[in-house]
PDB file of all heavy atoms in Angstrom:
ATOM      1  N   ILE A   1      84.380  99.434 132.102  1.00  0.00           N
ATOM      2  CA  ILE A   1      85.168  98.607 133.016  1.00  0.00           C
ATOM      3  C   ILE A   1      84.624  97.181 133.044  1.00  0.00           C
ATOM      4  O   ILE A   1      85.385  96.208 133.012  1.00  0.00           O
ATOM      5  CB  ILE A   1      85.191  99.228 134.423  1.00  0.00           C
ATOM      6  CG1 ILE A   1      86.019 100.505 134.422  1.00  0.00           C
ATOM      7  CG2 ILE A   1      85.716  98.246 135.453  1.00  0.00           C
ATOM      8  CD1 ILE A   1      85.891 101.328 135.683  1.00  0.00           C
ATOM      9  N   LEU A   2      83.301  97.028 133.094  1.00  0.00           N
ATOM     10  CA  LEU A   2      82.683  95.707 133.091  1.00  0.00           C
ATOM     11  C   LEU A   2      83.016  94.955 131.809  1.00  0.00           C
ATOM     12  O   LEU A   2      83.393  93.777 131.835  1.00  0.00           O
ATOM     13  CB  LEU A   2      81.169  95.830 133.255  1.00  0.00           C
ATOM     14  CG  LEU A   2      80.371  94.535 133.117  1.00  0.00           C
ATOM     15  CD1 LEU A   2      80.590  93.656 134.341  1.00  0.00           C
ATOM     16  CD2 LEU A   2      78.905  94.838 132.927  1.00  0.00           C
ATOM     17  N   ILE A   3      82.915  95.634 130.673  1.00  0.00           N
ATOM     18  CA  ILE A   3      83.180  94.994 129.386  1.00  0.00           C
ATOM     19  C   ILE A   3      84.663  94.648 129.252  1.00  0.00           C
ATOM     20  O   ILE A   3      85.010  93.569 128.773  1.00  0.00           O
ATOM     21  CB  ILE A   3      82.684  95.889 128.230  1.00  0.00           C
ATOM     22  CG1 ILE A   3      81.150  95.942 128.260  1.00  0.00           C
ATOM     23  CG2 ILE A   3      83.184  95.399 126.886  1.00  0.00           C
ATOM     24  CD1 ILE A   3      80.530  96.957 127.349  1.00  0.00           C
ATOM     25  N   ALA A   4      85.541  95.526 129.699  1.00  0.00           N
ATOM     26  CA  ALA A   4      86.977  95.255 129.640  1.00  0.00           C
ATOM     27  C   ALA A   4      87.332  94.046 130.506  1.00  0.00           C
ATOM     28  O   ALA A   4      88.159  93.211 130.117  1.00  0.00           O
ATOM     29  CB  ALA A   4      87.767  96.479 130.080  1.00  0.00           C
ATOM     30  N   SER A   5      86.701  93.949 131.660  1.00  0.00           N
ATOM     31  CA  SER A   5      86.944  92.813 132.544  1.00  0.00           C
ATOM     32  C   SER A   5      86.471  91.509 131.893  1.00  0.00           C
ATOM     33  O   SER A   5      87.169  90.490 131.937  1.00  0.00           O
ATOM     34  CB  SER A   5      86.230  93.031 133.880  1.00  0.00           C
ATOM     35  OG  SER A   5      86.370  91.910 134.702  1.00  0.00           O
ATOM     36  N   ARG A   6      85.303  91.553 131.281  1.00  0.00           N
ATOM     37  CA  ARG A   6      84.771  90.354 130.605  1.00  0.00           C
ATOM     38  C   ARG A   6      85.642  89.986 129.405  1.00  0.00           C
ATOM     39  O   ARG A   6      85.922  88.804 129.167  1.00  0.00           O
ATOM     40  CB  ARG A   6      83.319  90.594 130.176  1.00  0.00           C
ATOM     41  CG  ARG A   6      82.661  89.413 129.513  1.00  0.00           C
ATOM     42  CD  ARG A   6      82.588  88.223 130.481  1.00  0.00           C
ATOM     43  NE  ARG A   6      82.030  87.066 129.859  1.00  0.00           N
ATOM     44  CZ  ARG A   6      80.764  86.667 130.016  1.00  0.00           C
ATOM     45  NH1 ARG A   6      79.948  87.331 130.795  1.00  0.00           N
ATOM     46  NH2 ARG A   6      80.326  85.609 129.396  1.00  0.00           N
ATOM     47  N   LEU A   7      86.118  90.989 128.660  1.00  0.00           N
ATOM     48  CA  LEU A   7      87.004  90.725 127.528  1.00  0.00           C
ATOM     49  C   LEU A   7      88.295  90.071 128.022  1.00  0.00           C
ATOM     50  O   LEU A   7      88.796  89.131 127.407  1.00  0.00           O
ATOM     51  CB  LEU A   7      87.316  92.021 126.774  1.00  0.00           C
ATOM     52  CG  LEU A   7      88.300  91.894 125.613  1.00  0.00           C
ATOM     53  CD1 LEU A   7      87.757  90.965 124.533  1.00  0.00           C
ATOM     54  CD2 LEU A   7      88.613  93.260 125.031  1.00  0.00           C
ATOM     55  N   HIS A   8      88.818  90.533 129.130  1.00  0.00           N
ATOM     56  CA  HIS A   8      90.019  89.929 129.710  1.00  0.00           C
ATOM     57  C   HIS A   8      89.781  88.466 130.041  1.00  0.00           C
ATOM     58  O   HIS A   8      90.607  87.595 129.732  1.00  0.00           O
ATOM     59  CB  HIS A   8      90.439  90.702 130.958  1.00  0.00           C
ATOM     60  CG  HIS A   8      91.589  90.087 131.680  1.00  0.00           C
ATOM     61  ND1 HIS A   8      91.411  89.195 132.715  1.00  0.00           N
ATOM     62  CD2 HIS A   8      92.923  90.212 131.491  1.00  0.00           C
ATOM     63  CE1 HIS A   8      92.596  88.813 133.143  1.00  0.00           C
ATOM     64  NE2 HIS A   8      93.530  89.408 132.432  1.00  0.00           N
ATOM     65  N   ASP A   9      88.644  88.180 130.678  1.00  0.00           N
ATOM     66  CA  ASP A   9      88.316  86.797 131.037  1.00  0.00           C
ATOM     67  C   ASP A   9      88.185  85.919 129.789  1.00  0.00           C
ATOM     68  O   ASP A   9      88.681  84.787 129.756  1.00  0.00           O
ATOM     69  CB  ASP A   9      87.032  86.741 131.852  1.00  0.00           C
ATOM     70  CG  ASP A   9      87.169  87.403 133.217  1.00  0.00           C
ATOM     71  OD1 ASP A   9      88.321  87.649 133.645  1.00  0.00           O
ATOM     72  OD2 ASP A   9      86.124  87.691 133.840  1.00  0.00           O
ATOM     73  N   GLU A  10      87.519  86.436 128.767  1.00  0.00           N
ATOM     74  CA  GLU A  10      87.348  85.686 127.518  1.00  0.00           C
ATOM     75  C   GLU A  10      88.692  85.465 126.836  1.00  0.00           C
ATOM     76  O   GLU A  10      88.957  84.387 126.297  1.00  0.00           O
ATOM     77  CB  GLU A  10      86.386  86.426 126.568  1.00  0.00           C
ATOM     78  CG  GLU A  10      84.969  86.556 127.084  1.00  0.00           C
ATOM     79  CD  GLU A  10      84.208  85.242 127.090  1.00  0.00           C
ATOM     80  OE1 GLU A  10      84.432  84.407 126.190  1.00  0.00           O
ATOM     81  OE2 GLU A  10      83.383  85.045 127.990  1.00  0.00           O
ATOM     82  N   LEU A  11      89.546  86.468 126.867  1.00  0.00           N
ATOM     83  CA  LEU A  11      90.866  86.347 126.249  1.00  0.00           C
ATOM     84  C   LEU A  11      91.714  85.311 126.985  1.00  0.00           C
ATOM     85  O   LEU A  11      92.452  84.542 126.367  1.00  0.00           O
ATOM     86  CB  LEU A  11      91.567  87.706 126.228  1.00  0.00           C
ATOM     87  CG  LEU A  11      92.847  87.800 125.409  1.00  0.00           C
ATOM     88  CD1 LEU A  11      92.560  87.573 123.933  1.00  0.00           C
ATOM     89  CD2 LEU A  11      93.493  89.157 125.602  1.00  0.00           C
ATOM     90  N   GLU A  12      91.581  85.261 128.296  1.00  0.00           N
ATOM     91  CA  GLU A  12      92.293  84.253 129.083  1.00  0.00           C
ATOM     92  C   GLU A  12      91.855  82.849 128.672  1.00  0.00           C
ATOM     93  O   GLU A  12      92.679  81.932 128.602  1.00  0.00           O
ATOM     94  CB  GLU A  12      92.032  84.453 130.580  1.00  0.00           C
ATOM     95  CG  GLU A  12      92.802  85.581 131.192  1.00  0.00           C
ATOM     96  CD  GLU A  12      94.284  85.267 131.306  1.00  0.00           C
ATOM     97  OE1 GLU A  12      94.638  84.139 131.692  1.00  0.00           O
ATOM     98  OE2 GLU A  12      95.074  86.172 130.996  1.00  0.00           O
ATOM     99  N   LEU A  13      90.570  82.666 128.415  1.00  0.00           N
ATOM    100  CA  LEU A  13      90.087  81.365 127.963  1.00  0.00           C
ATOM    101  C   LEU A  13      90.689  80.995 126.614  1.00  0.00           C
ATOM    102  O   LEU A  13      91.044  79.833 126.374  1.00  0.00           O
ATOM    103  CB  LEU A  13      88.559  81.364 127.865  1.00  0.00           C
ATOM    104  CG  LEU A  13      87.785  81.468 129.174  1.00  0.00           C
ATOM    105  CD1 LEU A  13      86.293  81.596 128.889  1.00  0.00           C
ATOM    106  CD2 LEU A  13      88.054  80.258 130.050  1.00  0.00           C
ATOM    107  N   HIS A  14      90.805  81.993 125.722  1.00  0.00           N
ATOM    108  CA  HIS A  14      91.339  81.718 124.389  1.00  0.00           C
ATOM    109  C   HIS A  14      92.849  81.499 124.411  1.00  0.00           C
ATOM    110  O   HIS A  14      93.365  80.731 123.607  1.00  0.00           O
ATOM    111  CB  HIS A  14      90.987  82.854 123.426  1.00  0.00           C
ATOM    112  CG  HIS A  14      89.571  82.829 122.971  1.00  0.00           C
ATOM    113  ND1 HIS A  14      88.544  83.323 123.735  1.00  0.00           N
ATOM    114  CD2 HIS A  14      88.995  82.338 121.858  1.00  0.00           C
ATOM    115  CE1 HIS A  14      87.401  83.152 123.099  1.00  0.00           C
ATOM    116  NE2 HIS A  14      87.645  82.557 121.961  1.00  0.00           N
ATOM    117  N   THR A  15      93.569  82.139 125.288  1.00  0.00           N
ATOM    118  CA  THR A  15      95.024  81.949 125.324  1.00  0.00           C
ATOM    119  C   THR A  15      95.388  80.620 125.966  1.00  0.00           C
ATOM    120  O   THR A  15      96.480  80.118 125.754  1.00  0.00           O
ATOM    121  CB  THR A  15      95.739  83.079 126.088  1.00  0.00           C
ATOM    122  OG1 THR A  15      95.184  83.192 127.400  1.00  0.00           O
ATOM    123  CG2 THR A  15      95.610  84.392 125.374  1.00  0.00           C
ATOM    124  N   GLY A  16      94.487  80.039 126.716  1.00  0.00           N
ATOM    125  CA  GLY A  16      94.746  78.751 127.345  1.00  0.00           C
ATOM    126  C   GLY A  16      94.505  77.581 126.409  1.00  0.00           C
ATOM    127  O   GLY A  16      94.861  76.450 126.711  1.00  0.00           O
ATOM    128  N   LYS A  17      93.906  77.828 125.255  1.00  0.00           N
ATOM    129  CA  LYS A  17      93.609  76.750 124.306  1.00  0.00           C
ATOM    130  C   LYS A  17      94.892  76.271 123.631  1.00  0.00           C
ATOM    131  O   LYS A  17      95.775  77.057 123.314  1.00  0.00           O
ATOM    132  CB  LYS A  17      92.631  77.239 123.228  1.00  0.00           C
ATOM    133  CG  LYS A  17      91.228  77.485 123.745  1.00  0.00           C
ATOM    134  CD  LYS A  17      90.340  77.914 122.617  1.00  0.00           C
ATOM    135  CE  LYS A  17      88.915  78.123 123.116  1.00  0.00           C
ATOM    136  NZ  LYS A  17      88.041  78.597 122.049  1.00  0.00           N
ATOM    137  N   THR A  18      94.964  74.963 123.416  1.00  0.00           N
ATOM    138  CA  THR A  18      96.115  74.423 122.706  1.00  0.00           C
ATOM    139  C   THR A  18      95.855  74.379 121.205  1.00  0.00           C
ATOM    140  O   THR A  18      96.770  74.430 120.417  1.00  0.00           O
ATOM    141  CB  THR A  18      96.439  73.001 123.205  1.00  0.00           C
ATOM    142  OG1 THR A  18      95.263  72.209 123.103  1.00  0.00           O
ATOM    143  CG2 THR A  18      96.911  73.050 124.639  1.00  0.00           C
ATOM    144  N   LYS A  19      94.595  74.303 120.830  1.00  0.00           N
ATOM    145  CA  LYS A  19      94.285  74.303 119.406  1.00  0.00           C
ATOM    146  C   LYS A  19      94.234  75.748 118.911  1.00  0.00           C
ATOM    147  O   LYS A  19      94.020  76.690 119.672  1.00  0.00           O
ATOM    148  CB  LYS A  19      92.942  73.613 119.125  1.00  0.00           C
ATOM    149  CG  LYS A  19      91.733  74.334 119.688  1.00  0.00           C
ATOM    150  CD  LYS A  19      90.473  73.573 119.328  1.00  0.00           C
ATOM    151  CE  LYS A  19      89.245  74.294 119.854  1.00  0.00           C
ATOM    152  NZ  LYS A  19      88.722  75.275 118.981  1.00  0.00           N
ATOM    153  N   THR A  20      94.454  75.896 117.622  1.00  0.00           N
ATOM    154  CA  THR A  20      94.429  77.240 117.049  1.00  0.00           C
ATOM    155  C   THR A  20      92.982  77.640 116.768  1.00  0.00           C
ATOM    156  O   THR A  20      92.108  76.803 116.542  1.00  0.00           O
ATOM    157  CB  THR A  20      95.236  77.289 115.736  1.00  0.00           C
ATOM    158  OG1 THR A  20      94.686  76.343 114.837  1.00  0.00           O
ATOM    159  CG2 THR A  20      96.700  76.997 115.992  1.00  0.00           C
ATOM    160  N   LEU A  21      92.775  78.927 116.779  1.00  0.00           N
ATOM    161  CA  LEU A  21      91.439  79.463 116.491  1.00  0.00           C
ATOM    162  C   LEU A  21      91.188  79.443 114.992  1.00  0.00           C
ATOM    163  O   LEU A  21      92.126  79.408 114.203  1.00  0.00           O
ATOM    164  CB  LEU A  21      91.354  80.921 116.959  1.00  0.00           C
ATOM    165  CG  LEU A  21      91.288  81.190 118.448  1.00  0.00           C
ATOM    166  CD1 LEU A  21      91.407  82.688 118.689  1.00  0.00           C
ATOM    167  CD2 LEU A  21      89.997  80.691 119.022  1.00  0.00           C
ATOM    168  N   PRO A  22      89.924  79.504 114.599  1.00  0.00           N
ATOM    169  CA  PRO A  22      89.663  79.753 113.191  1.00  0.00           C
ATOM    170  C   PRO A  22      90.229  81.132 112.819  1.00  0.00           C
ATOM    171  O   PRO A  22      90.713  81.860 113.675  1.00  0.00           O
ATOM    172  CB  PRO A  22      88.132  79.750 113.092  1.00  0.00           C
ATOM    173  CG  PRO A  22      87.614  79.340 114.414  1.00  0.00           C
ATOM    174  CD  PRO A  22      88.729  79.356 115.380  1.00  0.00           C
ATOM    175  N   GLU A  23      90.175  81.472 111.561  1.00  0.00           N
ATOM    176  CA  GLU A  23      90.698  82.769 111.104  1.00  0.00           C
ATOM    177  C   GLU A  23      90.230  83.912 112.009  1.00  0.00           C
ATOM    178  O   GLU A  23      90.989  84.770 112.386  1.00  0.00           O
ATOM    179  CB  GLU A  23      90.234  83.022 109.658  1.00  0.00           C
ATOM    180  CG  GLU A  23      90.750  84.311 109.055  1.00  0.00           C
ATOM    181  CD  GLU A  23      92.217  84.229 108.726  1.00  0.00           C
ATOM    182  OE1 GLU A  23      92.723  83.125 108.495  1.00  0.00           O
ATOM    183  OE2 GLU A  23      92.856  85.278 108.707  1.00  0.00           O
ATOM    184  N   SER A  24      88.973  83.886 112.352  1.00  0.00           N
ATOM    185  CA  SER A  24      88.431  84.903 113.249  1.00  0.00           C
ATOM    186  C   SER A  24      87.224  84.302 113.962  1.00  0.00           C
ATOM    187  O   SER A  24      86.403  83.638 113.346  1.00  0.00           O
ATOM    188  CB  SER A  24      88.014  86.135 112.446  1.00  0.00           C
ATOM    189  OG  SER A  24      87.453  87.097 113.286  1.00  0.00           O
ATOM    190  N   GLU A  25      87.136  84.521 115.259  1.00  0.00           N
ATOM    191  CA  GLU A  25      86.003  84.031 116.031  1.00  0.00           C
ATOM    192  C   GLU A  25      85.209  85.242 116.507  1.00  0.00           C
ATOM    193  O   GLU A  25      85.791  86.223 116.986  1.00  0.00           O
ATOM    194  CB  GLU A  25      86.491  83.209 117.219  1.00  0.00           C
ATOM    195  CG  GLU A  25      85.364  82.572 117.991  1.00  0.00           C
ATOM    196  CD  GLU A  25      85.875  81.697 119.122  1.00  0.00           C
ATOM    197  OE1 GLU A  25      87.047  81.336 119.129  1.00  0.00           O
ATOM    198  OE2 GLU A  25      85.063  81.400 120.008  1.00  0.00           O
ATOM    199  N   LYS A  26      83.895  85.167 116.380  1.00  0.00           N
ATOM    200  CA  LYS A  26      83.046  86.316 116.735  1.00  0.00           C
ATOM    201  C   LYS A  26      81.771  85.816 117.387  1.00  0.00           C
ATOM    202  O   LYS A  26      81.168  84.847 116.934  1.00  0.00           O
ATOM    203  CB  LYS A  26      82.702  87.085 115.462  1.00  0.00           C
ATOM    204  CG  LYS A  26      81.828  88.306 115.674  1.00  0.00           C
ATOM    205  CD  LYS A  26      81.347  88.907 114.356  1.00  0.00           C
ATOM    206  CE  LYS A  26      82.483  89.563 113.617  1.00  0.00           C
ATOM    207  NZ  LYS A  26      82.013  90.318 112.438  1.00  0.00           N
ATOM    208  N   TYR A  27      81.387  86.476 118.484  1.00  0.00           N
ATOM    209  CA  TYR A  27      80.102  86.167 119.113  1.00  0.00           C
ATOM    210  C   TYR A  27      79.623  87.389 119.893  1.00  0.00           C
ATOM    211  O   TYR A  27      80.387  88.307 120.181  1.00  0.00           O
ATOM    212  CB  TYR A  27      80.172  84.918 120.006  1.00  0.00           C
ATOM    213  CG  TYR A  27      81.265  84.922 121.039  1.00  0.00           C
ATOM    214  CD1 TYR A  27      81.053  85.459 122.303  1.00  0.00           C
ATOM    215  CD2 TYR A  27      82.508  84.378 120.753  1.00  0.00           C
ATOM    216  CE1 TYR A  27      82.056  85.449 123.252  1.00  0.00           C
ATOM    217  CE2 TYR A  27      83.512  84.356 121.692  1.00  0.00           C
ATOM    218  CZ  TYR A  27      83.286  84.896 122.945  1.00  0.00           C
ATOM    219  OH  TYR A  27      84.277  84.885 123.866  1.00  0.00           O
ATOM    220  N   THR A  28      78.337  87.397 120.244  1.00  0.00           N
ATOM    221  CA  THR A  28      77.711  88.535 120.917  1.00  0.00           C
ATOM    222  C   THR A  28      77.148  88.088 122.259  1.00  0.00           C
ATOM    223  O   THR A  28      76.523  87.033 122.356  1.00  0.00           O
ATOM    224  CB  THR A  28      76.575  89.123 120.055  1.00  0.00           C
ATOM    225  OG1 THR A  28      77.110  89.482 118.778  1.00  0.00           O
ATOM    226  CG2 THR A  28      75.964  90.355 120.694  1.00  0.00           C
ATOM    227  N   LEU A  29      77.395  88.898 123.278  1.00  0.00           N
ATOM    228  CA  LEU A  29      76.851  88.660 124.609  1.00  0.00           C
ATOM    229  C   LEU A  29      76.124  89.917 125.083  1.00  0.00           C
ATOM    230  O   LEU A  29      76.443  91.025 124.652  1.00  0.00           O
ATOM    231  CB  LEU A  29      77.959  88.330 125.613  1.00  0.00           C
ATOM    232  CG  LEU A  29      78.767  87.058 125.388  1.00  0.00           C
ATOM    233  CD1 LEU A  29      79.895  86.982 126.400  1.00  0.00           C
ATOM    234  CD2 LEU A  29      77.871  85.847 125.498  1.00  0.00           C
ATOM    235  N   LYS A  30      75.161  89.715 125.987  1.00  0.00           N
ATOM    236  CA  LYS A  30      74.440  90.847 126.564  1.00  0.00           C
ATOM    237  C   LYS A  30      74.973  91.095 127.971  1.00  0.00           C
ATOM    238  O   LYS A  30      74.893  90.229 128.833  1.00  0.00           O
ATOM    239  CB  LYS A  30      72.944  90.570 126.601  1.00  0.00           C
ATOM    240  CG  LYS A  30      72.102  91.762 126.961  1.00  0.00           C
ATOM    241  CD  LYS A  30      70.620  91.455 126.806  1.00  0.00           C
ATOM    242  CE  LYS A  30      69.806  92.699 127.020  1.00  0.00           C
ATOM    243  NZ  LYS A  30      68.390  92.463 126.792  1.00  0.00           N
ATOM    244  N   LEU A  31      75.556  92.278 128.181  1.00  0.00           N
ATOM    245  CA  LEU A  31      76.097  92.658 129.485  1.00  0.00           C
ATOM    246  C   LEU A  31      75.433  93.954 129.934  1.00  0.00           C
ATOM    247  O   LEU A  31      75.599  94.986 129.300  1.00  0.00           O
ATOM    248  CB  LEU A  31      77.614  92.871 129.411  1.00  0.00           C
ATOM    249  CG  LEU A  31      78.460  91.675 129.013  1.00  0.00           C
ATOM    250  CD1 LEU A  31      79.904  92.095 128.853  1.00  0.00           C
ATOM    251  CD2 LEU A  31      78.343  90.590 130.052  1.00  0.00           C
ATOM    252  N   ASN A  32      74.690  93.896 131.024  1.00  0.00           N
ATOM    253  CA  ASN A  32      73.998  95.090 131.558  1.00  0.00           C
ATOM    254  C   ASN A  32      73.226  95.839 130.485  1.00  0.00           C
ATOM    255  O   ASN A  32      73.424  97.027 130.275  1.00  0.00           O
ATOM    256  CB  ASN A  32      74.992  96.025 132.241  1.00  0.00           C
ATOM    257  CG  ASN A  32      75.329  95.557 133.628  1.00  0.00           C
ATOM    258  OD1 ASN A  32      74.893  94.504 134.060  1.00  0.00           O
ATOM    259  ND2 ASN A  32      76.108  96.340 134.331  1.00  0.00           N
ATOM    260  N   GLU A  33      72.377  95.148 129.798  1.00  0.00           N
ATOM    261  CA  GLU A  33      71.496  95.724 128.786  1.00  0.00           C
ATOM    262  C   GLU A  33      72.228  96.233 127.541  1.00  0.00           C
ATOM    263  O   GLU A  33      71.635  96.895 126.706  1.00  0.00           O
ATOM    264  CB  GLU A  33      70.641  96.872 129.367  1.00  0.00           C
ATOM    265  CG  GLU A  33      69.794  96.480 130.567  1.00  0.00           C
ATOM    266  CD  GLU A  33      68.833  95.346 130.270  1.00  0.00           C
ATOM    267  OE1 GLU A  33      68.234  95.319 129.195  1.00  0.00           O
ATOM    268  OE2 GLU A  33      68.702  94.472 131.143  1.00  0.00           O
ATOM    269  N   ALA A  34      73.504  95.943 127.396  1.00  0.00           N
ATOM    270  CA  ALA A  34      74.257  96.340 126.209  1.00  0.00           C
ATOM    271  C   ALA A  34      74.661  95.093 125.443  1.00  0.00           C
ATOM    272  O   ALA A  34      75.157  94.131 126.036  1.00  0.00           O
ATOM    273  CB  ALA A  34      75.488  97.150 126.595  1.00  0.00           C
ATOM    274  N   LEU A  35      74.449  95.098 124.140  1.00  0.00           N
ATOM    275  CA  LEU A  35      74.894  93.994 123.309  1.00  0.00           C
ATOM    276  C   LEU A  35      76.352  94.244 122.954  1.00  0.00           C
ATOM    277  O   LEU A  35      76.689  95.266 122.359  1.00  0.00           O
ATOM    278  CB  LEU A  35      74.049  93.890 122.041  1.00  0.00           C
ATOM    279  CG  LEU A  35      72.624  93.387 122.243  1.00  0.00           C
ATOM    280  CD1 LEU A  35      71.853  93.438 120.936  1.00  0.00           C
ATOM    281  CD2 LEU A  35      72.634  91.972 122.791  1.00  0.00           C
ATOM    282  N   VAL A  36      77.203  93.311 123.336  1.00  0.00           N
ATOM    283  CA  VAL A  36      78.640  93.456 123.130  1.00  0.00           C
ATOM    284  C   VAL A  36      79.111  92.369 122.173  1.00  0.00           C
ATOM    285  O   VAL A  36      78.862  91.183 122.397  1.00  0.00           O
ATOM    286  CB  VAL A  36      79.410  93.350 124.463  1.00  0.00           C
ATOM    287  CG1 VAL A  36      80.890  93.610 124.247  1.00  0.00           C
ATOM    288  CG2 VAL A  36      78.838  94.308 125.490  1.00  0.00           C
ATOM    289  N   GLU A  37      79.766  92.790 121.111  1.00  0.00           N
ATOM    290  CA  GLU A  37      80.300  91.845 120.132  1.00  0.00           C
ATOM    291  C   GLU A  37      81.774  91.605 120.439  1.00  0.00           C
ATOM    292  O   GLU A  37      82.568  92.544 120.457  1.00  0.00           O
ATOM    293  CB  GLU A  37      80.149  92.413 118.722  1.00  0.00           C
ATOM    294  CG  GLU A  37      80.646  91.480 117.644  1.00  0.00           C
ATOM    295  CD  GLU A  37      80.468  92.092 116.270  1.00  0.00           C
ATOM    296  OE1 GLU A  37      79.302  92.213 115.837  1.00  0.00           O
ATOM    297  OE2 GLU A  37      81.486  92.457 115.661  1.00  0.00           O
TER     298      GLU A  37
END
C-alpha cells in the first residue's frame, strides 16, 4: 500500500510534465527498508 501510494504520487508528477520523458526513466528509492525501483 505504501509503495502503491508513492508510485501514484510519482506518476502524478510525471503526468503533469509538459515535456516528454526519455524512452524510459528509472530510479531507485528506499521506502521502509525496501529498495524500490
